[in-house]
Amino acid sequence: MFNSKSKSEDTQSSVPSGSGSASLIGSGTSMKGDITSSGDLRIDGTLVGNIICSAKVIIGSGGVVEGDVSGQTADIMGKVSGTIKVKELLMLKSNCQVNGNLYSAKLQIEPAATFNGQCHMTQEAPKSLGGKTSSEPRNDGFQKSPSLAIS
């Protein structure tokens, strides 16, 4: 009565504009094979195979992945048996179980997370204001190192 928007305009505005396509493997679903995605991917079921994603990968609390995971960023809440390679931030949430090696620029591990494997912190060299890369020595005698946050 007081709202000038129609119902169709209301439902369209609740979807974030500019968001890429996202894929979901729901709870109770089992898949065998590799998944390649250019949009966000969430696994709440079981996947026996590798994930190659150029966006965010989320393994839900009921999700199980037996294979390698590769993505831009990743949030792990379930179980992963395999190598995880993330270009930016990898978050191991409470009660997750990871058996495999980790490769990430930034890593956050919550206290109740379980991780068995090696962690390799990769360093990206973004351009600084002066046009120098972060791999060059700083004037203050300190070297920049990758971030590691354990909460």
N, C-alpha and C. Protein backbone atom coordinates (compact mmCIF):
# COMPACT_ATOMS: atom_id res chain seq x y z
N MET A 1 0.82 -1.18 0.00
CA MET A 1 0.00 0.00 0.00
C MET A 1 0.87 1.25 0.00
N PHE A 2 1.90 1.28 0.89
CA PHE A 2 2.75 2.45 0.97
C PHE A 2 4.04 2.30 0.16
N ASN A 3 4.26 1.10 -0.36
CA ASN A 3 5.47 0.82 -1.11
C ASN A 3 5.21 1.01 -2.60
N SER A 4 6.05 1.79 -3.26
CA SER A 4 5.84 2.05 -4.68
C SER A 4 6.42 0.94 -5.56
N LYS A 5 7.24 0.02 -4.99
CA LYS A 5 7.83 -1.07 -5.76
C LYS A 5 6.81 -2.18 -5.94
N SER A 6 6.88 -2.81 -7.09
CA SER A 6 6.04 -3.99 -7.30
C SER A 6 6.74 -5.20 -6.69
N LYS A 7 6.03 -6.32 -6.56
CA LYS A 7 6.62 -7.53 -5.97
C LYS A 7 7.76 -8.07 -6.82
N SER A 8 7.68 -7.96 -8.12
CA SER A 8 8.76 -8.47 -8.97
C SER A 8 10.04 -7.65 -8.79
N GLU A 9 9.91 -6.33 -8.57
CA GLU A 9 11.08 -5.51 -8.30
C GLU A 9 11.69 -5.86 -6.96
N ASP A 10 10.87 -6.21 -5.97
CA ASP A 10 11.34 -6.57 -4.64
C ASP A 10 12.21 -7.82 -4.66
N THR A 11 11.77 -8.86 -5.34
CA THR A 11 12.52 -10.11 -5.36
C THR A 11 13.82 -9.97 -6.13
N GLN A 12 13.84 -9.16 -7.18
CA GLN A 12 15.06 -8.98 -7.94
C GLN A 12 16.10 -8.19 -7.16
N SER A 13 15.69 -7.28 -6.33
CA SER A 13 16.65 -6.47 -5.58
C SER A 13 17.32 -7.25 -4.46
N SER A 14 16.76 -8.39 -4.04
CA SER A 14 17.38 -9.17 -2.96
C SER A 14 18.56 -10.00 -3.46
N VAL A 15 18.70 -10.17 -4.78
CA VAL A 15 19.83 -10.87 -5.35
C VAL A 15 20.94 -9.85 -5.57
N PRO A 16 22.15 -10.10 -5.01
CA PRO A 16 23.23 -9.13 -5.18
C PRO A 16 23.57 -8.94 -6.65
N SER A 17 23.67 -7.69 -7.06
CA SER A 17 24.01 -7.42 -8.45
C SER A 17 25.50 -7.64 -8.65
N GLY A 18 25.86 -8.14 -9.82
CA GLY A 18 27.26 -8.36 -10.13
C GLY A 18 27.81 -9.66 -9.58
N SER A 19 27.01 -10.43 -8.86
CA SER A 19 27.52 -11.68 -8.32
C SER A 19 27.54 -12.72 -9.44
N GLY A 20 28.65 -13.45 -9.51
CA GLY A 20 28.77 -14.49 -10.53
C GLY A 20 27.90 -15.68 -10.17
N SER A 21 27.89 -16.64 -11.05
CA SER A 21 27.08 -17.81 -10.78
C SER A 21 27.75 -18.64 -9.69
N ALA A 22 26.93 -19.26 -8.86
CA ALA A 22 27.43 -20.12 -7.78
C ALA A 22 26.83 -21.50 -7.96
N SER A 23 27.61 -22.52 -7.64
CA SER A 23 27.16 -23.90 -7.77
C SER A 23 27.12 -24.54 -6.39
N LEU A 24 26.16 -25.46 -6.20
CA LEU A 24 25.97 -26.12 -4.92
C LEU A 24 25.83 -27.62 -5.12
N ILE A 25 26.60 -28.38 -4.38
CA ILE A 25 26.42 -29.83 -4.29
C ILE A 25 25.80 -30.05 -2.93
N GLY A 26 24.50 -30.32 -2.91
CA GLY A 26 23.73 -30.35 -1.68
C GLY A 26 23.99 -31.56 -0.80
N SER A 27 23.54 -31.45 0.43
CA SER A 27 23.64 -32.53 1.40
C SER A 27 22.88 -33.75 0.87
N GLY A 28 23.46 -34.92 1.04
CA GLY A 28 22.83 -36.14 0.56
C GLY A 28 23.20 -36.48 -0.87
N THR A 29 23.96 -35.63 -1.55
CA THR A 29 24.40 -35.86 -2.92
C THR A 29 25.82 -36.38 -2.93
N SER A 30 26.07 -37.44 -3.68
CA SER A 30 27.41 -37.99 -3.84
C SER A 30 27.80 -37.91 -5.30
N MET A 31 29.02 -37.44 -5.56
CA MET A 31 29.51 -37.31 -6.93
C MET A 31 30.89 -37.92 -7.03
N LYS A 32 31.18 -38.45 -8.22
CA LYS A 32 32.51 -38.98 -8.50
C LYS A 32 32.99 -38.34 -9.78
N GLY A 33 34.14 -37.65 -9.72
CA GLY A 33 34.69 -36.97 -10.89
C GLY A 33 35.20 -35.59 -10.52
N ASP A 34 35.88 -34.95 -11.43
CA ASP A 34 36.44 -33.62 -11.19
C ASP A 34 35.43 -32.54 -11.51
N ILE A 35 35.50 -31.44 -10.75
CA ILE A 35 34.62 -30.29 -10.97
C ILE A 35 35.48 -29.08 -11.32
N THR A 36 35.14 -28.41 -12.40
CA THR A 36 35.79 -27.16 -12.79
C THR A 36 34.72 -26.08 -12.80
N SER A 37 35.01 -24.94 -12.12
CA SER A 37 34.02 -23.88 -12.01
C SER A 37 34.69 -22.52 -12.08
N SER A 38 34.03 -21.58 -12.76
CA SER A 38 34.54 -20.21 -12.79
C SER A 38 33.81 -19.34 -11.77
N GLY A 39 32.75 -19.87 -11.16
CA GLY A 39 32.01 -19.15 -10.12
C GLY A 39 32.23 -19.81 -8.77
N ASP A 40 31.62 -19.24 -7.75
CA ASP A 40 31.73 -19.80 -6.40
C ASP A 40 31.17 -21.21 -6.37
N LEU A 41 31.73 -22.04 -5.49
CA LEU A 41 31.32 -23.44 -5.40
C LEU A 41 31.18 -23.82 -3.94
N ARG A 42 30.05 -24.47 -3.59
CA ARG A 42 29.83 -24.94 -2.22
C ARG A 42 29.52 -26.43 -2.26
N ILE A 43 30.22 -27.19 -1.42
CA ILE A 43 30.03 -28.62 -1.33
C ILE A 43 29.47 -28.95 0.05
N ASP A 44 28.23 -29.45 0.10
CA ASP A 44 27.64 -29.92 1.34
C ASP A 44 27.45 -31.43 1.30
N GLY A 45 27.67 -32.04 0.15
CA GLY A 45 27.55 -33.48 -0.02
C GLY A 45 28.94 -34.11 -0.06
N THR A 46 29.06 -35.21 -0.82
CA THR A 46 30.32 -35.94 -0.93
C THR A 46 30.83 -35.88 -2.36
N LEU A 47 32.11 -35.56 -2.51
CA LEU A 47 32.76 -35.52 -3.82
C LEU A 47 34.02 -36.36 -3.76
N VAL A 48 34.13 -37.34 -4.66
CA VAL A 48 35.36 -38.08 -4.84
C VAL A 48 35.93 -37.59 -6.16
N GLY A 49 36.87 -36.68 -6.09
CA GLY A 49 37.45 -36.06 -7.27
C GLY A 49 38.05 -34.72 -6.90
N ASN A 50 38.58 -34.04 -7.88
CA ASN A 50 39.27 -32.77 -7.67
C ASN A 50 38.37 -31.58 -7.97
N ILE A 51 38.65 -30.47 -7.28
CA ILE A 51 37.93 -29.21 -7.51
C ILE A 51 38.93 -28.21 -8.07
N ILE A 52 38.60 -27.63 -9.22
CA ILE A 52 39.40 -26.56 -9.82
C ILE A 52 38.45 -25.38 -10.00
N CYS A 53 38.66 -24.35 -9.20
CA CYS A 53 37.73 -23.22 -9.17
C CYS A 53 38.52 -21.92 -9.24
N SER A 54 38.04 -20.96 -10.02
CA SER A 54 38.72 -19.67 -10.11
C SER A 54 38.08 -18.64 -9.19
N ALA A 55 37.21 -19.08 -8.29
CA ALA A 55 36.56 -18.18 -7.33
C ALA A 55 36.64 -18.82 -5.93
N LYS A 56 35.63 -18.61 -5.11
CA LYS A 56 35.63 -19.10 -3.74
C LYS A 56 35.09 -20.53 -3.67
N VAL A 57 35.77 -21.36 -2.86
CA VAL A 57 35.33 -22.73 -2.61
C VAL A 57 34.93 -22.84 -1.15
N ILE A 58 33.74 -23.37 -0.90
CA ILE A 58 33.27 -23.59 0.46
C ILE A 58 32.95 -25.07 0.61
N ILE A 59 33.55 -25.69 1.61
CA ILE A 59 33.21 -27.06 1.98
C ILE A 59 32.41 -26.95 3.27
N GLY A 60 31.10 -27.21 3.18
CA GLY A 60 30.21 -27.06 4.33
C GLY A 60 30.51 -28.08 5.42
N SER A 61 29.87 -27.92 6.57
CA SER A 61 30.15 -28.79 7.72
C SER A 61 29.82 -30.25 7.44
N GLY A 62 28.90 -30.52 6.54
CA GLY A 62 28.58 -31.89 6.16
C GLY A 62 29.28 -32.32 4.88
N GLY A 63 30.11 -31.46 4.32
CA GLY A 63 30.78 -31.75 3.06
C GLY A 63 32.01 -32.62 3.24
N VAL A 64 32.21 -33.53 2.28
CA VAL A 64 33.37 -34.41 2.26
C VAL A 64 33.97 -34.38 0.87
N VAL A 65 35.27 -34.08 0.79
CA VAL A 65 35.98 -34.08 -0.49
C VAL A 65 37.18 -35.00 -0.38
N GLU A 66 37.23 -35.99 -1.27
CA GLU A 66 38.38 -36.88 -1.37
C GLU A 66 39.08 -36.56 -2.67
N GLY A 67 39.96 -35.59 -2.63
CA GLY A 67 40.67 -35.11 -3.82
C GLY A 67 41.28 -33.76 -3.55
N ASP A 68 41.92 -33.19 -4.54
CA ASP A 68 42.59 -31.91 -4.40
C ASP A 68 41.60 -30.76 -4.62
N VAL A 69 41.84 -29.65 -3.91
CA VAL A 69 41.00 -28.47 -4.00
C VAL A 69 41.88 -27.30 -4.42
N SER A 70 41.45 -26.57 -5.45
CA SER A 70 42.18 -25.41 -5.94
C SER A 70 41.19 -24.27 -6.14
N GLY A 71 41.52 -23.07 -5.63
CA GLY A 71 40.62 -21.94 -5.78
C GLY A 71 41.29 -20.63 -5.44
N GLN A 72 40.52 -19.54 -5.58
CA GLN A 72 41.01 -18.21 -5.23
C GLN A 72 41.07 -18.06 -3.71
N THR A 73 39.95 -18.38 -3.04
CA THR A 73 39.86 -18.42 -1.59
C THR A 73 39.08 -19.66 -1.22
N ALA A 74 39.16 -20.08 0.07
CA ALA A 74 38.42 -21.27 0.48
C ALA A 74 38.09 -21.20 1.96
N ASP A 75 36.88 -21.67 2.29
CA ASP A 75 36.45 -21.86 3.67
C ASP A 75 36.17 -23.34 3.83
N ILE A 76 36.87 -23.99 4.76
CA ILE A 76 36.71 -25.42 4.97
C ILE A 76 36.06 -25.63 6.33
N MET A 77 34.86 -26.24 6.32
CA MET A 77 34.15 -26.56 7.55
C MET A 77 33.94 -28.07 7.70
N GLY A 78 34.10 -28.80 6.59
CA GLY A 78 33.88 -30.25 6.58
C GLY A 78 35.19 -31.01 6.52
N LYS A 79 35.20 -32.11 5.74
CA LYS A 79 36.37 -32.98 5.65
C LYS A 79 36.98 -32.92 4.26
N VAL A 80 38.30 -32.77 4.21
CA VAL A 80 39.04 -32.79 2.95
C VAL A 80 40.23 -33.71 3.10
N SER A 81 40.36 -34.66 2.17
CA SER A 81 41.53 -35.53 2.10
C SER A 81 42.20 -35.26 0.77
N GLY A 82 43.23 -34.43 0.79
CA GLY A 82 43.93 -34.06 -0.43
C GLY A 82 44.61 -32.71 -0.27
N THR A 83 45.29 -32.29 -1.29
CA THR A 83 46.02 -31.03 -1.29
C THR A 83 45.05 -29.87 -1.52
N ILE A 84 45.23 -28.79 -0.76
CA ILE A 84 44.42 -27.59 -0.93
C ILE A 84 45.36 -26.47 -1.37
N LYS A 85 45.09 -25.89 -2.56
CA LYS A 85 45.88 -24.77 -3.09
C LYS A 85 44.97 -23.57 -3.28
N VAL A 86 45.28 -22.50 -2.55
CA VAL A 86 44.46 -21.28 -2.58
C VAL A 86 45.38 -20.10 -2.86
N LYS A 87 44.97 -19.21 -3.77
CA LYS A 87 45.79 -18.06 -4.12
C LYS A 87 45.78 -16.99 -3.05
N GLU A 88 44.68 -16.87 -2.31
CA GLU A 88 44.57 -15.80 -1.31
C GLU A 88 44.40 -16.40 0.09
N LEU A 89 43.20 -16.29 0.66
CA LEU A 89 42.95 -16.68 2.05
C LEU A 89 42.32 -18.07 2.14
N LEU A 90 42.92 -18.91 2.97
CA LEU A 90 42.38 -20.23 3.29
C LEU A 90 41.96 -20.21 4.75
N MET A 91 40.69 -20.54 5.01
CA MET A 91 40.17 -20.55 6.38
C MET A 91 39.77 -21.97 6.76
N LEU A 92 40.39 -22.50 7.81
CA LEU A 92 40.03 -23.80 8.36
C LEU A 92 39.16 -23.52 9.58
N LYS A 93 37.87 -23.75 9.43
CA LYS A 93 36.90 -23.42 10.47
C LYS A 93 36.85 -24.51 11.54
N SER A 94 36.18 -24.22 12.66
CA SER A 94 36.04 -25.16 13.76
C SER A 94 35.46 -26.48 13.28
N ASN A 95 35.95 -27.55 13.82
CA ASN A 95 35.49 -28.92 13.58
C ASN A 95 35.77 -29.44 12.18
N CYS A 96 36.54 -28.71 11.36
CA CYS A 96 36.91 -29.26 10.06
C CYS A 96 38.04 -30.28 10.25
N GLN A 97 38.17 -31.17 9.28
CA GLN A 97 39.23 -32.18 9.29
C GLN A 97 39.91 -32.16 7.94
N VAL A 98 41.19 -31.78 7.93
CA VAL A 98 41.95 -31.70 6.69
C VAL A 98 43.16 -32.62 6.80
N ASN A 99 43.27 -33.55 5.85
CA ASN A 99 44.42 -34.45 5.75
C ASN A 99 45.06 -34.21 4.40
N GLY A 100 46.13 -33.43 4.39
CA GLY A 100 46.81 -33.11 3.14
C GLY A 100 47.59 -31.82 3.28
N ASN A 101 48.36 -31.50 2.28
CA ASN A 101 49.19 -30.31 2.31
C ASN A 101 48.40 -29.08 1.91
N LEU A 102 48.79 -27.93 2.49
CA LEU A 102 48.14 -26.65 2.22
C LEU A 102 49.11 -25.71 1.54
N TYR A 103 48.62 -25.00 0.53
CA TYR A 103 49.39 -23.96 -0.16
C TYR A 103 48.50 -22.72 -0.19
N SER A 104 48.95 -21.64 0.46
CA SER A 104 48.12 -20.44 0.54
C SER A 104 48.97 -19.22 0.84
N ALA A 105 48.49 -18.04 0.42
CA ALA A 105 49.16 -16.79 0.77
C ALA A 105 48.85 -16.40 2.21
N LYS A 106 47.59 -16.64 2.63
CA LYS A 106 47.16 -16.32 3.99
C LYS A 106 46.39 -17.51 4.54
N LEU A 107 46.57 -17.80 5.83
CA LEU A 107 45.95 -18.96 6.44
C LEU A 107 45.37 -18.59 7.79
N GLN A 108 44.12 -18.99 8.03
CA GLN A 108 43.49 -18.78 9.33
C GLN A 108 42.97 -20.14 9.80
N ILE A 109 43.38 -20.55 11.00
CA ILE A 109 42.97 -21.83 11.57
C ILE A 109 42.29 -21.58 12.90
N GLU A 110 41.03 -22.01 13.01
CA GLU A 110 40.31 -21.87 14.27
C GLU A 110 40.73 -22.99 15.22
N PRO A 111 40.60 -22.76 16.55
CA PRO A 111 41.14 -23.71 17.54
C PRO A 111 40.63 -25.15 17.43
N ALA A 112 39.39 -25.37 17.06
CA ALA A 112 38.85 -26.72 17.03
C ALA A 112 39.08 -27.42 15.69
N ALA A 113 39.80 -26.80 14.77
CA ALA A 113 40.08 -27.41 13.47
C ALA A 113 41.17 -28.47 13.60
N THR A 114 41.10 -29.51 12.76
CA THR A 114 42.11 -30.56 12.74
C THR A 114 42.80 -30.51 11.39
N PHE A 115 44.13 -30.43 11.41
CA PHE A 115 44.91 -30.34 10.18
C PHE A 115 46.13 -31.24 10.31
N ASN A 116 46.29 -32.18 9.37
CA ASN A 116 47.45 -33.07 9.32
C ASN A 116 48.08 -32.94 7.94
N GLY A 117 49.28 -32.39 7.89
CA GLY A 117 49.98 -32.21 6.63
C GLY A 117 50.97 -31.08 6.75
N GLN A 118 51.49 -30.65 5.63
CA GLN A 118 52.44 -29.55 5.60
C GLN A 118 51.75 -28.30 5.11
N CYS A 119 52.22 -27.17 5.61
CA CYS A 119 51.68 -25.87 5.20
C CYS A 119 52.77 -25.10 4.46
N HIS A 120 52.46 -24.67 3.25
CA HIS A 120 53.39 -23.89 2.45
C HIS A 120 52.78 -22.53 2.20
N MET A 121 53.40 -21.49 2.75
CA MET A 121 52.91 -20.13 2.59
C MET A 121 53.54 -19.55 1.33
N THR A 122 52.69 -19.25 0.34
CA THR A 122 53.18 -18.67 -0.90
C THR A 122 53.19 -17.16 -0.75
N GLN A 123 54.07 -16.52 -1.47
CA GLN A 123 54.15 -15.06 -1.41
C GLN A 123 53.86 -14.48 -2.77
N GLU A 124 52.88 -13.60 -2.83
CA GLU A 124 52.62 -12.88 -4.07
C GLU A 124 53.33 -11.54 -3.98
N ALA A 125 53.71 -11.01 -5.10
CA ALA A 125 54.47 -9.76 -5.12
C ALA A 125 53.65 -8.64 -5.73
N PRO A 126 52.71 -8.05 -4.96
CA PRO A 126 51.94 -6.93 -5.50
C PRO A 126 52.78 -5.68 -5.60
N LYS A 127 52.43 -4.80 -6.51
CA LYS A 127 53.15 -3.53 -6.66
C LYS A 127 52.83 -2.61 -5.48
N SER A 128 53.86 -2.02 -4.91
CA SER A 128 53.66 -1.05 -3.85
C SER A 128 53.52 0.34 -4.47
N LEU A 129 53.35 1.37 -3.65
CA LEU A 129 53.13 2.72 -4.16
C LEU A 129 54.31 3.23 -4.98
N GLY A 130 55.52 2.85 -4.61
CA GLY A 130 56.70 3.33 -5.33
C GLY A 130 57.03 2.53 -6.57
N GLY A 131 56.18 1.55 -6.94
CA GLY A 131 56.44 0.75 -8.11
C GLY A 131 57.34 -0.44 -7.83
N LYS A 132 57.78 -0.59 -6.57
CA LYS A 132 58.63 -1.72 -6.20
C LYS A 132 57.75 -2.88 -5.77
N THR A 133 58.26 -4.08 -5.92
CA THR A 133 57.51 -5.24 -5.46
C THR A 133 57.84 -5.52 -4.01
N SER A 134 56.97 -6.27 -3.34
CA SER A 134 57.16 -6.55 -1.92
C SER A 134 58.32 -7.51 -1.68
N SER A 135 58.88 -8.13 -2.73
CA SER A 135 59.99 -9.05 -2.55
C SER A 135 61.32 -8.31 -2.40
N GLU A 136 61.33 -7.00 -2.70
CA GLU A 136 62.54 -6.22 -2.54
C GLU A 136 62.74 -5.86 -1.08
N PRO A 137 64.00 -5.72 -0.62
CA PRO A 137 64.24 -5.39 0.79
C PRO A 137 63.63 -4.05 1.18
N ARG A 138 63.13 -4.00 2.40
CA ARG A 138 62.58 -2.76 2.91
C ARG A 138 63.69 -1.95 3.56
N ASN A 139 63.49 -0.64 3.70
CA ASN A 139 64.51 0.23 4.27
C ASN A 139 64.64 0.08 5.78
N ASP A 140 63.61 -0.45 6.46
CA ASP A 140 63.65 -0.54 7.91
C ASP A 140 64.31 -1.83 8.42
N GLY A 141 64.86 -2.66 7.53
CA GLY A 141 65.55 -3.86 7.95
C GLY A 141 64.66 -5.08 8.13
N PHE A 142 63.38 -4.95 7.92
CA PHE A 142 62.45 -6.06 8.06
C PHE A 142 62.02 -6.55 6.69
N GLN A 143 61.79 -7.84 6.57
CA GLN A 143 61.27 -8.42 5.35
C GLN A 143 59.78 -8.72 5.56
N LYS A 144 58.99 -8.52 4.52
CA LYS A 144 57.55 -8.83 4.59
C LYS A 144 57.40 -10.33 4.50
N SER A 145 56.57 -10.89 5.39
CA SER A 145 56.31 -12.33 5.35
C SER A 145 54.82 -12.57 5.20
N PRO A 146 54.43 -13.76 4.73
CA PRO A 146 53.00 -14.07 4.57
C PRO A 146 52.27 -14.04 5.91
N SER A 147 50.98 -13.82 5.86
CA SER A 147 50.17 -13.74 7.06
C SER A 147 49.76 -15.12 7.55
N LEU A 148 49.76 -15.33 8.85
CA LEU A 148 49.26 -16.54 9.47
C LEU A 148 48.49 -16.12 10.70
N ALA A 149 47.19 -16.42 10.73
CA ALA A 149 46.36 -16.06 11.86
C ALA A 149 45.75 -17.30 12.45
N ILE A 150 46.02 -17.56 13.71
CA ILE A 150 45.41 -18.69 14.41
C ILE A 150 44.57 -18.11 15.52
N SER A 151 43.25 -18.31 15.38
CA SER A 151 42.36 -17.71 16.37
C SER A 151 41.80 -18.74 17.30
